[in-house]
C-alpha cells in the first residue's frame, strides 16, 4: 500500500512539474530593409478565351439548319414548349444560368448564331467531328459529348425560342 502511495505521489509531482511554469517567450521581430520593386519586363501572356465564352456569330455549324429567322418577337407558346423540352431532355447536363456538365444556355444567342445552336442540338455527333468550335467545347467540358436527343426540328426551334428568353 505504501509503495502504491509513493507511486501516485511521484506521478502527481511529475504531472505538476511538467504542466506548470510554462511562460511563452516573446519572439523578437526581425526587420529587413526593403528593396525597390523590380519591374517586370516580360510580355503579358495572351489570355486564353474558353470556347464557352468565345463569340462567333458567323459560324452556322454542320447540319440541316442553314437559316433561322429571329426577327419576329418572342413567341410565348413556343417558349413554353421549348422550356418543357429543355427541362425534360437537357437538364441532366445543362443548367440555365451556370456551367454544369455542359455549358449554360443563358446568353447563348450573344455568342452563337441560331443556326449553330440548332445544328448542335440536332446534330451533335457531326458537329463535334467537323466544327472547330464544337471540338473546343468538347475539350473544355472534359470530353463529355452532347448526347443526341433525337429532337425534331420543331422541338429544337422551340428550345431555341426558350433560349431567347434566358439572360446572362
Protein backbone atom coordinates (compact mmCIF):
# COMPACT_ATOMS: atom_id res chain seq x y z
CA UNK A 1 0.00 0.00 0.00
CA UNK A 2 2.88 2.32 0.90
CA UNK A 3 4.53 1.66 -2.49
CA UNK A 4 1.29 2.47 -4.34
CA UNK A 5 1.00 5.74 -2.40
CA UNK A 6 4.63 6.59 -3.28
CA UNK A 7 3.99 5.87 -6.99
CA UNK A 8 0.86 8.05 -7.05
CA UNK A 9 2.73 10.85 -5.27
CA UNK A 10 5.61 10.68 -7.78
CA UNK A 11 3.16 10.72 -10.72
CA UNK A 12 1.29 13.74 -9.31
CA UNK A 13 4.53 15.64 -8.74
CA UNK A 14 5.76 14.79 -12.23
CA UNK A 15 2.45 15.97 -13.68
CA UNK A 16 2.58 19.26 -11.76
CA UNK A 17 6.18 19.94 -12.76
CA UNK A 18 5.61 19.15 -16.42
CA UNK A 19 2.40 21.24 -16.75
CA UNK A 20 3.18 24.26 -14.64
CA UNK A 21 5.51 27.14 -15.06
CA UNK A 22 5.37 27.50 -18.84
CA UNK A 23 5.91 31.02 -19.96
CA UNK A 24 5.66 31.92 -23.56
CA UNK A 25 8.71 33.66 -24.77
CA UNK A 26 8.09 36.71 -26.85
CA UNK A 27 9.52 36.34 -30.29
CA UNK A 28 11.75 39.12 -31.35
CA UNK A 29 10.71 40.53 -34.69
CA UNK A 30 13.46 40.92 -37.19
CA UNK A 31 13.07 43.50 -39.88
CA UNK A 32 14.96 43.56 -43.10
CA UNK A 33 15.49 46.58 -45.28
CA UNK A 34 13.08 46.61 -48.20
CA UNK A 35 14.23 46.82 -51.76
CA UNK A 36 12.64 48.71 -54.56
CA UNK A 37 10.21 46.51 -56.51
CA UNK A 38 11.74 45.00 -59.61
CA UNK A 39 9.94 45.99 -62.77
CA UNK A 40 8.87 43.04 -64.89
CA UNK A 41 9.99 43.23 -68.46
CA UNK A 42 8.29 40.07 -69.68
CA UNK A 43 5.40 40.48 -72.06
CA UNK A 44 1.98 39.54 -70.65
CA UNK A 45 0.70 36.16 -71.76
CA UNK A 46 -2.13 36.11 -74.24
CA UNK A 47 -5.33 35.47 -72.36
CA UNK A 48 -6.93 32.18 -73.24
CA UNK A 49 -10.62 32.56 -74.01
CA UNK A 50 -12.67 29.49 -73.18
CA UNK A 51 -14.73 28.09 -76.03
CA UNK A 52 -17.89 28.63 -73.99
CA UNK A 53 -17.06 32.37 -73.80
CA UNK A 54 -15.94 32.84 -77.42
CA UNK A 55 -18.18 34.89 -79.65
CA UNK A 56 -18.76 33.52 -83.15
CA UNK A 57 -21.99 34.75 -84.72
CA UNK A 58 -20.97 33.82 -88.29
CA UNK A 59 -20.39 30.06 -87.99
CA UNK A 60 -23.60 28.15 -88.79
CA UNK A 61 -22.22 24.76 -87.82
CA UNK A 62 -22.69 21.45 -89.59
CA UNK A 63 -26.15 20.04 -90.08
CA UNK A 64 -29.55 20.50 -91.65
CA UNK A 65 -30.19 24.09 -90.49
CA UNK A 66 -28.89 26.75 -92.86
CA UNK A 67 -31.15 29.68 -91.97
CA UNK A 68 -33.17 30.77 -88.93
CA UNK A 69 -35.18 33.98 -88.80
CA UNK A 70 -35.35 35.58 -85.35
CA UNK A 71 -36.72 38.93 -86.49
CA UNK A 72 -40.20 38.26 -85.04
CA UNK A 73 -40.94 38.95 -81.37
CA UNK A 74 -40.52 36.04 -78.96
CA UNK A 75 -43.37 33.52 -79.35
CA UNK A 76 -44.54 32.77 -75.80
CA UNK A 77 -46.26 29.49 -76.75
CA UNK A 78 -43.09 28.26 -78.39
CA UNK A 79 -41.07 29.38 -75.33
CA UNK A 80 -43.29 27.27 -73.05
CA UNK A 81 -42.89 24.27 -75.34
CA UNK A 82 -39.13 24.81 -75.55
CA UNK A 83 -38.82 25.18 -71.79
CA UNK A 84 -40.65 21.87 -71.33
CA UNK A 85 -38.38 20.12 -73.84
CA UNK A 86 -35.29 21.64 -72.20
CA UNK A 87 -36.36 20.58 -68.71
CA UNK A 88 -37.20 17.06 -69.88
CA UNK A 89 -34.28 16.39 -72.21
CA UNK A 90 -31.41 18.75 -71.34
CA UNK A 91 -31.24 19.38 -67.58
CA UNK A 92 -29.24 16.21 -66.94
CA UNK A 93 -26.24 18.08 -68.38
CA UNK A 94 -27.20 21.77 -68.62
CA UNK A 95 -28.28 24.41 -66.11
CA UNK A 96 -29.90 27.57 -67.43
CA UNK A 97 -27.51 30.06 -65.84
CA UNK A 98 -24.42 28.14 -64.79
CA UNK A 99 -21.80 25.78 -66.13
CA UNK A 100 -22.53 22.14 -65.31
CA UNK A 101 -21.60 19.07 -67.34
CA UNK A 102 -22.29 21.23 -70.40
CA UNK A 103 -22.36 25.00 -70.94
CA UNK A 104 -25.18 27.21 -69.69
CA UNK A 105 -27.55 28.34 -72.45
CA UNK A 106 -28.17 31.75 -70.87
CA UNK A 107 -27.00 34.44 -73.29
CA UNK A 108 -26.01 31.87 -75.91
CA UNK A 109 -27.51 33.96 -78.70
CA UNK A 110 -24.95 36.68 -77.87
CA UNK A 111 -22.17 34.18 -78.67
CA UNK A 112 -23.51 31.80 -81.34
CA UNK A 113 -25.63 32.00 -84.45
CA UNK A 114 -29.12 30.50 -84.16
CA UNK A 115 -28.23 28.04 -86.94
CA UNK A 116 -25.17 26.84 -84.99
CA UNK A 117 -27.28 26.31 -81.87
CA UNK A 118 -29.94 24.32 -83.69
CA UNK A 119 -27.35 22.24 -85.56
CA UNK A 120 -25.64 21.47 -82.23
CA UNK A 121 -28.99 20.35 -80.79
CA UNK A 122 -29.96 18.29 -83.84
CA UNK A 123 -26.56 17.01 -84.97
CA UNK A 124 -24.10 16.91 -82.04
CA UNK A 125 -22.04 13.94 -83.26
CA UNK A 126 -21.17 15.50 -86.62
CA UNK A 127 -20.68 18.94 -85.05
CA UNK A 128 -18.06 17.54 -82.65
CA UNK A 129 -16.29 15.81 -85.54
CA UNK A 130 -16.31 18.70 -88.01
CA UNK A 131 -16.98 22.03 -86.31
CA UNK A 132 -13.88 23.62 -84.69
CA UNK A 133 -15.88 25.43 -82.01
CA UNK A 134 -17.78 22.27 -81.06
CA UNK A 135 -14.41 20.45 -80.79
CA UNK A 136 -13.13 23.17 -78.44
CA UNK A 137 -16.29 22.90 -76.31
CA UNK A 138 -15.82 19.15 -76.08
CA UNK A 139 -12.28 19.69 -74.79
CA UNK A 140 -13.38 22.42 -72.36
CA UNK A 141 -16.06 20.19 -70.88
CA UNK A 142 -13.68 17.28 -70.22
CA UNK A 143 -14.61 15.27 -73.29
CA UNK A 144 -18.28 14.99 -72.33
CA UNK A 145 -20.04 14.88 -75.69
CA UNK A 146 -23.52 16.25 -76.11
CA UNK A 147 -25.97 13.39 -76.43
CA UNK A 148 -28.23 13.38 -79.46
CA UNK A 149 -31.74 13.57 -78.00
CA UNK A 150 -33.25 12.95 -81.46
CA UNK A 151 -35.38 16.08 -81.25
CA UNK A 152 -37.45 17.19 -84.20
CA UNK A 153 -36.59 20.48 -85.91
CA UNK A 154 -39.77 21.94 -84.37
CA UNK A 155 -38.66 20.94 -80.85
CA UNK A 156 -35.15 22.28 -81.47
CA UNK A 157 -36.66 25.56 -82.72
CA UNK A 158 -38.83 25.73 -79.59
CA UNK A 159 -35.74 25.22 -77.40
CA UNK A 160 -34.00 27.99 -79.34
CA UNK A 161 -37.01 30.25 -78.70
CA UNK A 162 -36.74 29.44 -75.00
CA UNK A 163 -33.02 30.31 -75.12
CA UNK A 164 -34.00 33.74 -76.46
CA UNK A 165 -35.61 34.47 -73.08
CA UNK A 166 -32.60 33.47 -70.98
CA UNK A 167 -30.30 36.31 -69.99
CA UNK A 168 -26.75 36.04 -68.70
